[in-house]
Every structure is written in structure tokens, then in C-alpha cells.
Amino acid sequence: MANKIKYGLKNVYYAKATIAANGSATYETPVAFPGAVSLSLSPQGDTTPFYADNIVYWTGVANNGYEGDFEIARVIDSFKTDILGYITDGKEVLVEDANAQPTHFALIFQFEGDEKATRHVMYNCVAARPDTAGQTKNESIEPQTETLSLTATSIYVADLDTDIVKAEANATTDATVYNGWNAAVYIPAP
């Protein structure tokens, strides 16, 4: 049975990607990214109507991926070095490299549901550096979060001869695939 509702965000992982000249990708082993607070990704792309015979004769829809925000308790150090291009000096100090180029990655996550969690992967993500902000504590301590701005686009899958943006595993997904979702980035096959 399918979920009627979704709630909760958890089991977030990232997997560093290498994008080939043909747009395909290979991925390193996913790394846990604890502290997920919220994820909000909006579809990107225009809808273009074509008018003929005094009606909308045809409509084209461009799927340019997603853009949005991933709010976390704190950006973990491994994400800073693996994805954001920080370097570590000889005294284990994280240093932001002004010449670092964006590193592509897959983002794996799940939303809980009333029947079973729905697991997702966004295949080709790039993250912008988070803001640096903070404030003094008052009578009570209120945790402050960090937000990564994400762009998620497609990769090419030769076995399907198409570009893909994301995938979802749900209650009807093969149990082996569903249970191993966070172990490796799932690439669909024909």
C-alpha cells in the first residue's frame, strides 16, 4: 500500500561524484550527513505552450532539475573537505580555499510515511558555501542551524540512453534495492 502522508527527514548521505565527458557519473561510497532539519527543493524549468487552431496545441516542459535549501544542525567537516573544497593544514585546521571549484555529489535522503519511508537520491548536486552566522546565548540556549543552497541537475545513464535527475524507492520497490539504498548510489538499469 502507498503512503497517504509524508513527514520527517532522516538518513541523509552524500556521495562524491565524478562526472564524465558524456554526462554520466560514478560515485564514491555514501557518507552519513547527520543533523538534517529540512530540505526544500523546487523544480526548475519553463513550461512553454504552443498555440495553434486557437488552442494550446502542444506544451513543452523543460526539466532543468531542482534548486533549494538543505538546513542542517551543522555542516560536517567531511562535507567541507570532500565537497566544498576546504583544505586541512598540518595542525588539522580547516581552511576555506578561495580557488576551490564545486564538487558534484549525489544526495541521498528519506521522508517518513504512514506505511513505509520513501527513499530518494538526487544524482548531480552542487552546494554553495553556507553563511557564517551566530549570536550570543540568552537565558536559554537555542540551537542555530546552517543552510546549504543546492542545485540538482541530471546525469546521463547509457544503459537507459537518457538523462535522469532523481530516483525514489518506496513500499513497492524490490527489498534488496530498498534495504541497500544508503550503501551505494542507485543507478537504474533497463
N, C-alpha and C. Protein backbone atom coordinates (compact mmCIF):
# COMPACT_ATOMS: atom_id res chain seq x y z
N MET A 1 0.84 -1.18 0.00
CA MET A 1 0.00 0.00 0.00
C MET A 1 0.88 1.25 0.00
N ALA A 2 0.46 2.27 -0.67
CA ALA A 2 1.22 3.51 -0.77
C ALA A 2 0.98 4.40 0.44
N ASN A 3 1.95 5.25 0.71
CA ASN A 3 1.80 6.22 1.80
C ASN A 3 0.70 7.22 1.49
N LYS A 4 -0.01 7.61 2.53
CA LYS A 4 -1.00 8.68 2.40
C LYS A 4 -0.39 10.03 2.77
N ILE A 5 0.63 9.98 3.62
CA ILE A 5 1.29 11.21 4.08
C ILE A 5 2.80 11.01 4.11
N LYS A 6 3.51 12.12 4.18
CA LYS A 6 4.95 12.06 4.43
C LYS A 6 5.28 13.06 5.52
N TYR A 7 6.33 12.75 6.27
CA TYR A 7 6.78 13.61 7.35
C TYR A 7 8.21 13.22 7.67
N GLY A 8 8.92 14.07 8.33
CA GLY A 8 10.25 13.73 8.83
C GLY A 8 11.29 13.52 7.74
N LEU A 9 12.46 14.03 7.97
CA LEU A 9 13.62 13.89 7.08
C LEU A 9 14.73 13.23 7.87
N LYS A 10 15.29 12.15 7.33
CA LYS A 10 16.40 11.49 8.02
C LYS A 10 17.19 10.65 7.04
N ASN A 11 18.21 9.98 7.55
CA ASN A 11 19.09 9.13 6.75
C ASN A 11 19.64 9.87 5.54
N VAL A 12 20.20 11.04 5.79
CA VAL A 12 20.82 11.83 4.72
C VAL A 12 22.26 11.38 4.56
N TYR A 13 22.64 11.19 3.31
CA TYR A 13 24.00 10.81 2.94
C TYR A 13 24.41 11.64 1.74
N TYR A 14 25.71 11.81 1.56
CA TYR A 14 26.21 12.40 0.32
C TYR A 14 27.24 11.44 -0.26
N ALA A 15 27.36 11.43 -1.57
CA ALA A 15 28.36 10.59 -2.24
C ALA A 15 29.04 11.43 -3.31
N LYS A 16 30.33 11.63 -3.15
CA LYS A 16 31.11 12.42 -4.09
C LYS A 16 31.01 11.80 -5.48
N ALA A 17 30.81 12.65 -6.49
CA ALA A 17 30.62 12.19 -7.87
C ALA A 17 31.77 12.62 -8.75
N THR A 18 32.03 11.81 -9.75
CA THR A 18 32.92 12.18 -10.84
C THR A 18 32.05 12.17 -12.09
N ILE A 19 31.94 13.32 -12.74
CA ILE A 19 31.11 13.45 -13.93
C ILE A 19 32.01 13.30 -15.16
N ALA A 20 31.65 12.35 -16.03
CA ALA A 20 32.42 12.08 -17.24
C ALA A 20 32.04 13.07 -18.35
N ALA A 21 32.81 13.07 -19.41
CA ALA A 21 32.56 13.99 -20.54
C ALA A 21 31.19 13.78 -21.17
N ASN A 22 30.66 12.55 -21.13
CA ASN A 22 29.34 12.28 -21.71
C ASN A 22 28.19 12.58 -20.75
N GLY A 23 28.51 13.07 -19.55
CA GLY A 23 27.47 13.43 -18.58
C GLY A 23 27.11 12.31 -17.62
N SER A 24 27.75 11.14 -17.77
CA SER A 24 27.49 10.05 -16.83
C SER A 24 28.27 10.30 -15.55
N ALA A 25 27.97 9.52 -14.52
CA ALA A 25 28.61 9.75 -13.23
C ALA A 25 29.03 8.44 -12.58
N THR A 26 30.11 8.51 -11.82
CA THR A 26 30.48 7.44 -10.91
C THR A 26 30.56 8.06 -9.52
N TYR A 27 30.31 7.24 -8.51
CA TYR A 27 30.18 7.76 -7.16
C TYR A 27 31.05 7.01 -6.18
N GLU A 28 31.55 7.75 -5.19
CA GLU A 28 32.25 7.13 -4.08
C GLU A 28 31.20 6.58 -3.11
N THR A 29 31.66 5.87 -2.10
CA THR A 29 30.75 5.32 -1.09
C THR A 29 30.04 6.45 -0.35
N PRO A 30 28.72 6.35 -0.18
CA PRO A 30 27.99 7.40 0.55
C PRO A 30 28.49 7.59 1.98
N VAL A 31 28.47 8.85 2.42
CA VAL A 31 28.90 9.24 3.76
C VAL A 31 27.69 9.81 4.50
N ALA A 32 27.47 9.36 5.74
CA ALA A 32 26.35 9.85 6.53
C ALA A 32 26.49 11.34 6.79
N PHE A 33 25.37 12.06 6.71
CA PHE A 33 25.33 13.51 6.94
C PHE A 33 24.28 13.75 8.02
N PRO A 34 24.65 13.59 9.31
CA PRO A 34 23.67 13.70 10.39
C PRO A 34 23.24 15.15 10.63
N GLY A 35 22.11 15.30 11.31
CA GLY A 35 21.63 16.62 11.71
C GLY A 35 20.66 17.27 10.74
N ALA A 36 20.00 16.48 9.89
CA ALA A 36 19.07 17.05 8.91
C ALA A 36 17.89 17.72 9.62
N VAL A 37 17.60 18.95 9.21
CA VAL A 37 16.47 19.70 9.76
C VAL A 37 15.36 19.82 8.73
N SER A 38 15.69 20.29 7.53
CA SER A 38 14.68 20.41 6.48
C SER A 38 15.35 20.41 5.11
N LEU A 39 14.56 20.01 4.11
CA LEU A 39 15.02 20.01 2.74
C LEU A 39 13.87 20.52 1.88
N SER A 40 14.14 21.54 1.10
CA SER A 40 13.12 22.13 0.25
C SER A 40 13.73 22.39 -1.13
N LEU A 41 13.33 21.59 -2.11
CA LEU A 41 13.86 21.71 -3.47
C LEU A 41 12.71 21.98 -4.43
N SER A 42 12.83 23.03 -5.20
CA SER A 42 11.80 23.42 -6.16
C SER A 42 12.23 23.04 -7.57
N PRO A 43 11.29 22.51 -8.39
CA PRO A 43 11.64 22.17 -9.76
C PRO A 43 12.02 23.41 -10.57
N GLN A 44 12.99 23.23 -11.47
CA GLN A 44 13.45 24.30 -12.35
C GLN A 44 13.14 23.93 -13.79
N GLY A 45 12.73 24.90 -14.57
CA GLY A 45 12.43 24.67 -15.98
C GLY A 45 11.13 25.35 -16.35
N ASP A 46 11.06 25.77 -17.59
CA ASP A 46 9.89 26.50 -18.07
C ASP A 46 8.89 25.58 -18.74
N THR A 47 7.63 25.97 -18.65
CA THR A 47 6.56 25.34 -19.41
C THR A 47 6.25 26.28 -20.56
N THR A 48 6.31 25.77 -21.78
CA THR A 48 6.13 26.60 -22.96
C THR A 48 4.94 26.12 -23.77
N PRO A 49 3.84 26.89 -23.76
CA PRO A 49 2.69 26.48 -24.59
C PRO A 49 2.89 26.93 -26.04
N PHE A 50 2.42 26.13 -26.97
CA PHE A 50 2.42 26.47 -28.39
C PHE A 50 0.96 26.54 -28.82
N TYR A 51 0.60 27.68 -29.39
CA TYR A 51 -0.80 27.90 -29.77
C TYR A 51 -0.99 27.65 -31.27
N ALA A 52 -2.04 26.92 -31.60
CA ALA A 52 -2.47 26.69 -32.98
C ALA A 52 -3.96 26.36 -32.94
N ASP A 53 -4.65 26.65 -33.97
CA ASP A 53 -6.10 26.41 -34.05
C ASP A 53 -6.85 27.05 -32.87
N ASN A 54 -6.33 28.18 -32.40
CA ASN A 54 -6.94 28.92 -31.29
C ASN A 54 -6.99 28.15 -29.97
N ILE A 55 -6.07 27.19 -29.81
CA ILE A 55 -5.98 26.44 -28.55
C ILE A 55 -4.50 26.22 -28.23
N VAL A 56 -4.24 25.72 -27.03
CA VAL A 56 -2.90 25.27 -26.71
C VAL A 56 -2.75 23.93 -27.40
N TYR A 57 -2.03 23.93 -28.48
CA TYR A 57 -1.89 22.78 -29.37
C TYR A 57 -0.86 21.78 -28.82
N TRP A 58 0.16 22.32 -28.16
CA TRP A 58 1.23 21.50 -27.62
C TRP A 58 1.87 22.26 -26.47
N THR A 59 2.33 21.54 -25.47
CA THR A 59 3.02 22.17 -24.35
C THR A 59 4.34 21.47 -24.13
N GLY A 60 5.39 22.25 -24.09
CA GLY A 60 6.72 21.72 -23.80
C GLY A 60 7.10 22.03 -22.37
N VAL A 61 7.70 21.07 -21.71
CA VAL A 61 8.13 21.26 -20.33
C VAL A 61 9.61 20.91 -20.23
N ALA A 62 10.41 21.86 -19.78
CA ALA A 62 11.85 21.64 -19.61
C ALA A 62 12.12 21.21 -18.17
N ASN A 63 12.78 20.07 -18.01
CA ASN A 63 13.18 19.60 -16.69
C ASN A 63 14.64 19.97 -16.49
N ASN A 64 14.86 21.09 -15.79
CA ASN A 64 16.22 21.57 -15.51
C ASN A 64 16.65 21.25 -14.10
N GLY A 65 16.06 20.22 -13.51
CA GLY A 65 16.45 19.80 -12.17
C GLY A 65 15.72 20.56 -11.08
N TYR A 66 16.44 20.80 -9.98
CA TYR A 66 15.86 21.41 -8.79
C TYR A 66 16.84 22.41 -8.18
N GLU A 67 16.30 23.37 -7.46
CA GLU A 67 17.11 24.28 -6.64
C GLU A 67 16.41 24.45 -5.31
N GLY A 68 17.21 24.63 -4.26
CA GLY A 68 16.59 24.85 -2.96
C GLY A 68 17.60 24.82 -1.85
N ASP A 69 17.08 24.59 -0.65
CA ASP A 69 17.89 24.67 0.57
C ASP A 69 17.83 23.38 1.38
N PHE A 70 18.98 23.03 1.94
CA PHE A 70 19.10 21.91 2.87
C PHE A 70 19.58 22.50 4.19
N GLU A 71 18.72 22.46 5.19
CA GLU A 71 19.05 23.01 6.50
C GLU A 71 19.50 21.87 7.41
N ILE A 72 20.66 22.06 8.04
CA ILE A 72 21.22 21.06 8.92
C ILE A 72 21.66 21.69 10.23
N ALA A 73 21.84 20.85 11.22
CA ALA A 73 22.32 21.35 12.51
C ALA A 73 23.68 22.02 12.31
N ARG A 74 24.54 21.37 11.52
CA ARG A 74 25.88 21.90 11.29
C ARG A 74 26.46 21.18 10.07
N VAL A 75 27.13 21.91 9.21
CA VAL A 75 27.81 21.28 8.07
C VAL A 75 29.00 20.50 8.62
N ILE A 76 29.02 19.21 8.34
CA ILE A 76 30.07 18.36 8.91
C ILE A 76 31.40 18.59 8.18
N ASP A 77 32.48 18.36 8.89
CA ASP A 77 33.82 18.63 8.36
C ASP A 77 34.12 17.84 7.09
N SER A 78 33.69 16.58 7.03
CA SER A 78 34.00 15.79 5.83
C SER A 78 33.31 16.36 4.60
N PHE A 79 32.12 16.93 4.75
CA PHE A 79 31.45 17.57 3.62
C PHE A 79 32.22 18.81 3.19
N LYS A 80 32.74 19.54 4.16
CA LYS A 80 33.53 20.73 3.83
C LYS A 80 34.75 20.37 3.00
N THR A 81 35.45 19.30 3.37
CA THR A 81 36.66 18.93 2.63
C THR A 81 36.33 18.17 1.34
N ASP A 82 35.39 17.23 1.39
CA ASP A 82 35.05 16.42 0.21
C ASP A 82 34.34 17.22 -0.87
N ILE A 83 33.44 18.11 -0.48
CA ILE A 83 32.54 18.75 -1.44
C ILE A 83 32.81 20.24 -1.59
N LEU A 84 32.98 20.95 -0.50
CA LEU A 84 33.15 22.41 -0.57
C LEU A 84 34.59 22.84 -0.85
N GLY A 85 35.52 21.89 -0.82
CA GLY A 85 36.89 22.20 -1.21
C GLY A 85 37.76 22.80 -0.12
N TYR A 86 37.34 22.69 1.14
CA TYR A 86 38.20 23.14 2.23
C TYR A 86 39.45 22.26 2.25
N ILE A 87 40.54 22.80 2.78
CA ILE A 87 41.75 22.03 2.96
C ILE A 87 42.07 22.00 4.45
N THR A 88 42.85 21.01 4.85
CA THR A 88 43.27 20.88 6.24
C THR A 88 44.77 21.10 6.29
N ASP A 89 45.21 22.01 7.16
CA ASP A 89 46.64 22.25 7.26
C ASP A 89 47.29 21.22 8.19
N GLY A 90 48.57 21.36 8.44
CA GLY A 90 49.32 20.41 9.25
C GLY A 90 48.89 20.36 10.71
N LYS A 91 48.12 21.33 11.15
CA LYS A 91 47.64 21.36 12.54
C LYS A 91 46.16 21.02 12.62
N GLU A 92 45.62 20.42 11.54
CA GLU A 92 44.22 19.99 11.46
C GLU A 92 43.23 21.17 11.55
N VAL A 93 43.63 22.31 11.01
CA VAL A 93 42.74 23.47 10.92
C VAL A 93 42.09 23.45 9.54
N LEU A 94 40.76 23.56 9.51
CA LEU A 94 40.05 23.62 8.23
C LEU A 94 40.20 25.02 7.65
N VAL A 95 40.62 25.08 6.38
CA VAL A 95 40.87 26.35 5.72
C VAL A 95 40.03 26.40 4.44
N GLU A 96 39.27 27.48 4.28
CA GLU A 96 38.47 27.64 3.07
C GLU A 96 39.38 28.08 1.93
N ASP A 97 39.41 27.29 0.86
CA ASP A 97 40.24 27.56 -0.30
C ASP A 97 39.47 28.46 -1.26
N ALA A 98 39.97 29.67 -1.49
CA ALA A 98 39.29 30.63 -2.37
C ALA A 98 39.25 30.15 -3.82
N ASN A 99 40.12 29.21 -4.19
CA ASN A 99 40.17 28.71 -5.56
C ASN A 99 39.43 27.39 -5.75
N ALA A 100 38.78 26.91 -4.72
CA ALA A 100 38.08 25.62 -4.80
C ALA A 100 36.93 25.70 -5.80
N GLN A 101 36.81 24.67 -6.61
CA GLN A 101 35.71 24.56 -7.57
C GLN A 101 34.66 23.63 -7.00
N PRO A 102 33.40 23.84 -7.37
CA PRO A 102 32.34 22.97 -6.84
C PRO A 102 32.59 21.50 -7.18
N THR A 103 32.39 20.65 -6.22
CA THR A 103 32.47 19.21 -6.42
C THR A 103 31.06 18.66 -6.48
N HIS A 104 30.77 17.87 -7.49
CA HIS A 104 29.45 17.29 -7.66
C HIS A 104 29.27 16.12 -6.70
N PHE A 105 28.03 15.91 -6.29
CA PHE A 105 27.73 14.81 -5.38
C PHE A 105 26.28 14.38 -5.55
N ALA A 106 25.99 13.18 -5.11
CA ALA A 106 24.62 12.70 -5.02
C ALA A 106 24.15 12.94 -3.59
N LEU A 107 22.90 13.30 -3.44
CA LEU A 107 22.30 13.49 -2.11
C LEU A 107 21.25 12.41 -1.93
N ILE A 108 21.42 11.61 -0.89
CA ILE A 108 20.52 10.51 -0.58
C ILE A 108 19.79 10.87 0.71
N PHE A 109 18.48 10.65 0.75
CA PHE A 109 17.70 11.01 1.94
C PHE A 109 16.39 10.25 1.93
N GLN A 110 15.68 10.33 3.05
CA GLN A 110 14.36 9.70 3.10
C GLN A 110 13.38 10.57 3.87
N PHE A 111 12.12 10.48 3.44
CA PHE A 111 10.99 11.07 4.15
C PHE A 111 10.19 9.92 4.75
N GLU A 112 9.82 10.04 6.00
CA GLU A 112 9.00 9.01 6.62
C GLU A 112 7.59 9.05 6.02
N GLY A 113 6.86 7.96 6.18
CA GLY A 113 5.49 7.89 5.70
C GLY A 113 4.66 7.03 6.63
N ASP A 114 3.35 7.04 6.45
CA ASP A 114 2.49 6.27 7.33
C ASP A 114 2.63 4.76 7.09
N GLU A 115 3.08 4.34 5.90
CA GLU A 115 3.29 2.92 5.60
C GLU A 115 4.77 2.55 5.64
N LYS A 116 5.57 3.28 4.88
CA LYS A 116 7.00 2.98 4.75
C LYS A 116 7.71 4.24 4.27
N ALA A 117 8.94 4.42 4.68
CA ALA A 117 9.70 5.60 4.26
C ALA A 117 9.92 5.57 2.75
N THR A 118 9.92 6.76 2.14
CA THR A 118 10.27 6.90 0.74
C THR A 118 11.70 7.40 0.68
N ARG A 119 12.55 6.65 0.00
CA ARG A 119 13.96 6.97 -0.09
C ARG A 119 14.26 7.62 -1.43
N HIS A 120 15.09 8.65 -1.42
CA HIS A 120 15.36 9.45 -2.62
C HIS A 120 16.86 9.53 -2.87
N VAL A 121 17.21 9.78 -4.13
CA VAL A 121 18.56 10.18 -4.49
C VAL A 121 18.44 11.27 -5.55
N MET A 122 19.15 12.36 -5.34
CA MET A 122 19.31 13.43 -6.33
C MET A 122 20.71 13.21 -6.88
N TYR A 123 20.83 13.01 -8.20
CA TYR A 123 22.06 12.48 -8.78
C TYR A 123 23.21 13.45 -8.97
N ASN A 124 22.94 14.69 -9.27
CA ASN A 124 24.03 15.61 -9.64
C ASN A 124 23.85 16.93 -8.92
N CYS A 125 24.29 16.98 -7.69
CA CYS A 125 24.11 18.18 -6.85
C CYS A 125 25.40 18.98 -6.76
N VAL A 126 25.22 20.27 -6.57
CA VAL A 126 26.31 21.19 -6.26
C VAL A 126 25.80 22.06 -5.11
N ALA A 127 26.67 22.33 -4.14
CA ALA A 127 26.29 23.13 -2.97
C ALA A 127 27.09 24.42 -2.92
N ALA A 128 26.40 25.48 -2.53
CA ALA A 128 27.08 26.75 -2.27
C ALA A 128 27.52 26.79 -0.82
N ARG A 129 28.54 27.57 -0.52
CA ARG A 129 29.02 27.69 0.85
C ARG A 129 27.91 28.23 1.75
N PRO A 130 27.82 27.74 2.99
CA PRO A 130 26.79 28.25 3.91
C PRO A 130 27.21 29.60 4.48
N ASP A 131 26.22 30.35 4.96
CA ASP A 131 26.50 31.60 5.66
C ASP A 131 27.27 31.30 6.94
N THR A 132 28.04 32.27 7.40
CA THR A 132 28.68 32.19 8.71
C THR A 132 27.91 33.15 9.60
N ALA A 133 27.21 32.60 10.58
CA ALA A 133 26.37 33.43 11.45
C ALA A 133 26.29 32.81 12.83
N GLY A 134 25.97 33.61 13.80
CA GLY A 134 25.78 33.15 15.17
C GLY A 134 25.33 34.31 16.03
N GLN A 135 24.92 33.99 17.22
CA GLN A 135 24.51 35.05 18.15
C GLN A 135 24.77 34.58 19.56
N THR A 136 24.82 35.52 20.47
CA THR A 136 25.09 35.19 21.86
C THR A 136 23.92 34.43 22.46
N LYS A 137 24.19 33.62 23.46
CA LYS A 137 23.10 32.88 24.11
C LYS A 137 22.38 33.81 25.08
N ASN A 138 21.12 33.52 25.28
CA ASN A 138 20.29 34.27 26.22
C ASN A 138 20.06 33.40 27.45
N GLU A 139 18.89 33.57 28.07
CA GLU A 139 18.57 32.77 29.25
C GLU A 139 18.45 31.29 28.92
N SER A 140 18.11 31.00 27.69
CA SER A 140 18.07 29.61 27.25
C SER A 140 18.91 29.51 25.98
N ILE A 141 19.42 28.33 25.73
CA ILE A 141 20.25 28.13 24.55
C ILE A 141 19.37 27.64 23.41
N GLU A 142 19.38 28.38 22.32
CA GLU A 142 18.61 27.99 21.14
C GLU A 142 19.59 27.58 20.04
N PRO A 143 19.55 26.30 19.63
CA PRO A 143 20.47 25.86 18.59
C PRO A 143 20.29 26.66 17.30
N GLN A 144 21.40 26.90 16.63
CA GLN A 144 21.36 27.61 15.36
C GLN A 144 21.79 26.65 14.26
N THR A 145 21.10 26.70 13.16
CA THR A 145 21.36 25.78 12.06
C THR A 145 22.19 26.44 10.97
N GLU A 146 22.62 25.63 10.03
CA GLU A 146 23.30 26.12 8.84
C GLU A 146 22.52 25.64 7.63
N THR A 147 22.57 26.40 6.55
CA THR A 147 21.81 26.06 5.35
C THR A 147 22.73 26.03 4.14
N LEU A 148 22.62 24.94 3.39
CA LEU A 148 23.32 24.82 2.12
C LEU A 148 22.34 25.08 1.00
N SER A 149 22.70 25.94 0.07
CA SER A 149 21.89 26.14 -1.14
C SER A 149 22.33 25.09 -2.15
N LEU A 150 21.37 24.32 -2.64
CA LEU A 150 21.68 23.21 -3.54
C LEU A 150 21.10 23.44 -4.93
N THR A 151 21.81 22.95 -5.92
CA THR A 151 21.30 22.83 -7.28
C THR A 151 21.46 21.36 -7.66
N ALA A 152 20.39 20.74 -8.15
CA ALA A 152 20.43 19.34 -8.54
C ALA A 152 20.03 19.23 -10.01
N THR A 153 20.93 18.67 -10.81
CA THR A 153 20.65 18.50 -12.23
C THR A 153 20.82 17.03 -12.60
N SER A 154 20.84 16.74 -13.90
CA SER A 154 20.80 15.36 -14.36
C SER A 154 22.19 14.77 -14.62
N ILE A 155 22.19 13.45 -14.71
CA ILE A 155 23.33 12.69 -15.21
C ILE A 155 22.82 11.84 -16.37
N TYR A 156 23.72 11.40 -17.22
CA TYR A 156 23.37 10.53 -18.33
C TYR A 156 23.58 9.08 -17.92
N VAL A 157 22.60 8.23 -18.23
CA VAL A 157 22.71 6.80 -17.96
C VAL A 157 22.69 6.07 -19.30
N ALA A 158 23.83 5.55 -19.70
CA ALA A 158 23.96 4.92 -21.02
C ALA A 158 23.03 3.72 -21.18
N ASP A 159 22.87 2.90 -20.11
CA ASP A 159 22.01 1.72 -20.21
C ASP A 159 20.56 2.08 -20.51
N LEU A 160 20.14 3.28 -20.11
CA LEU A 160 18.78 3.74 -20.40
C LEU A 160 18.75 4.71 -21.57
N ASP A 161 19.92 5.16 -21.99
CA ASP A 161 20.06 6.18 -23.03
C ASP A 161 19.19 7.41 -22.75
N THR A 162 19.30 7.90 -21.51
CA THR A 162 18.55 9.08 -21.12
C THR A 162 19.24 9.78 -19.96
N ASP A 163 18.83 11.00 -19.70
CA ASP A 163 19.31 11.77 -18.55
C ASP A 163 18.33 11.59 -17.40
N ILE A 164 18.85 11.42 -16.19
CA ILE A 164 17.99 11.26 -15.02
C ILE A 164 18.37 12.29 -13.97
N VAL A 165 17.38 12.75 -13.21
CA VAL A 165 17.59 13.76 -12.18
C VAL A 165 17.53 13.15 -10.79
N LYS A 166 16.50 12.33 -10.54
CA LYS A 166 16.35 11.73 -9.22
C LYS A 166 15.67 10.39 -9.32
N ALA A 167 15.70 9.63 -8.23
CA ALA A 167 15.01 8.35 -8.14
C ALA A 167 14.40 8.24 -6.76
N GLU A 168 13.34 7.45 -6.66
CA GLU A 168 12.65 7.21 -5.39
C GLU A 168 12.44 5.72 -5.19
N ALA A 169 12.64 5.26 -3.98
CA ALA A 169 12.33 3.88 -3.60
C ALA A 169 11.22 3.95 -2.56
N ASN A 170 10.18 3.13 -2.75
CA ASN A 170 9.04 3.18 -1.82
C ASN A 170 8.60 1.78 -1.45
N ALA A 171 7.38 1.65 -0.96
CA ALA A 171 6.86 0.38 -0.44
C ALA A 171 6.86 -0.73 -1.48
N THR A 172 6.80 -0.41 -2.76
CA THR A 172 6.74 -1.45 -3.79
C THR A 172 8.11 -1.76 -4.39
N THR A 173 9.14 -1.06 -3.97
CA THR A 173 10.50 -1.27 -4.50
C THR A 173 11.04 -2.62 -4.05
N ASP A 174 11.81 -3.26 -4.92
CA ASP A 174 12.49 -4.50 -4.59
C ASP A 174 13.17 -4.37 -3.23
N ALA A 175 13.00 -5.35 -2.35
CA ALA A 175 13.50 -5.27 -0.97
C ALA A 175 15.02 -5.11 -0.92
N THR A 176 15.75 -5.79 -1.80
CA THR A 176 17.21 -5.68 -1.79
C THR A 176 17.65 -4.26 -2.13
N VAL A 177 17.01 -3.66 -3.12
CA VAL A 177 17.33 -2.28 -3.50
C VAL A 177 16.95 -1.34 -2.36
N TYR A 178 15.76 -1.50 -1.83
CA TYR A 178 15.27 -0.61 -0.76
C TYR A 178 16.17 -0.68 0.47
N ASN A 179 16.51 -1.88 0.90
CA ASN A 179 17.31 -2.05 2.12
C ASN A 179 18.75 -1.61 1.94
N GLY A 180 19.27 -1.61 0.71
CA GLY A 180 20.65 -1.19 0.47
C GLY A 180 20.77 0.23 -0.05
N TRP A 181 19.70 1.02 0.07
CA TRP A 181 19.63 2.35 -0.53
C TRP A 181 20.78 3.26 -0.13
N ASN A 182 21.22 3.21 1.12
CA ASN A 182 22.26 4.13 1.58
C ASN A 182 23.68 3.57 1.42
N ALA A 183 23.79 2.33 0.96
CA ALA A 183 25.11 1.70 0.83
C ALA A 183 25.86 2.16 -0.42
N ALA A 184 25.12 2.47 -1.47
CA ALA A 184 25.71 2.92 -2.74
C ALA A 184 24.66 3.72 -3.48
N VAL A 185 25.10 4.60 -4.37
CA VAL A 185 24.16 5.39 -5.16
C VAL A 185 23.48 4.46 -6.18
N TYR A 186 22.17 4.41 -6.12
CA TYR A 186 21.41 3.54 -7.00
C TYR A 186 21.39 4.12 -8.42
N ILE A 187 21.77 3.31 -9.38
CA ILE A 187 21.70 3.68 -10.80
C ILE A 187 20.71 2.73 -11.45
N PRO A 188 19.64 3.26 -12.05
CA PRO A 188 18.64 2.37 -12.64
C PRO A 188 19.19 1.62 -13.84
N ALA A 189 18.62 0.45 -14.06
CA ALA A 189 19.00 -0.39 -15.19
C ALA A 189 17.76 -0.70 -16.01
N PRO A 190 17.94 -1.05 -17.29
CA PRO A 190 16.76 -1.36 -18.12
C PRO A 190 16.03 -2.59 -17.62
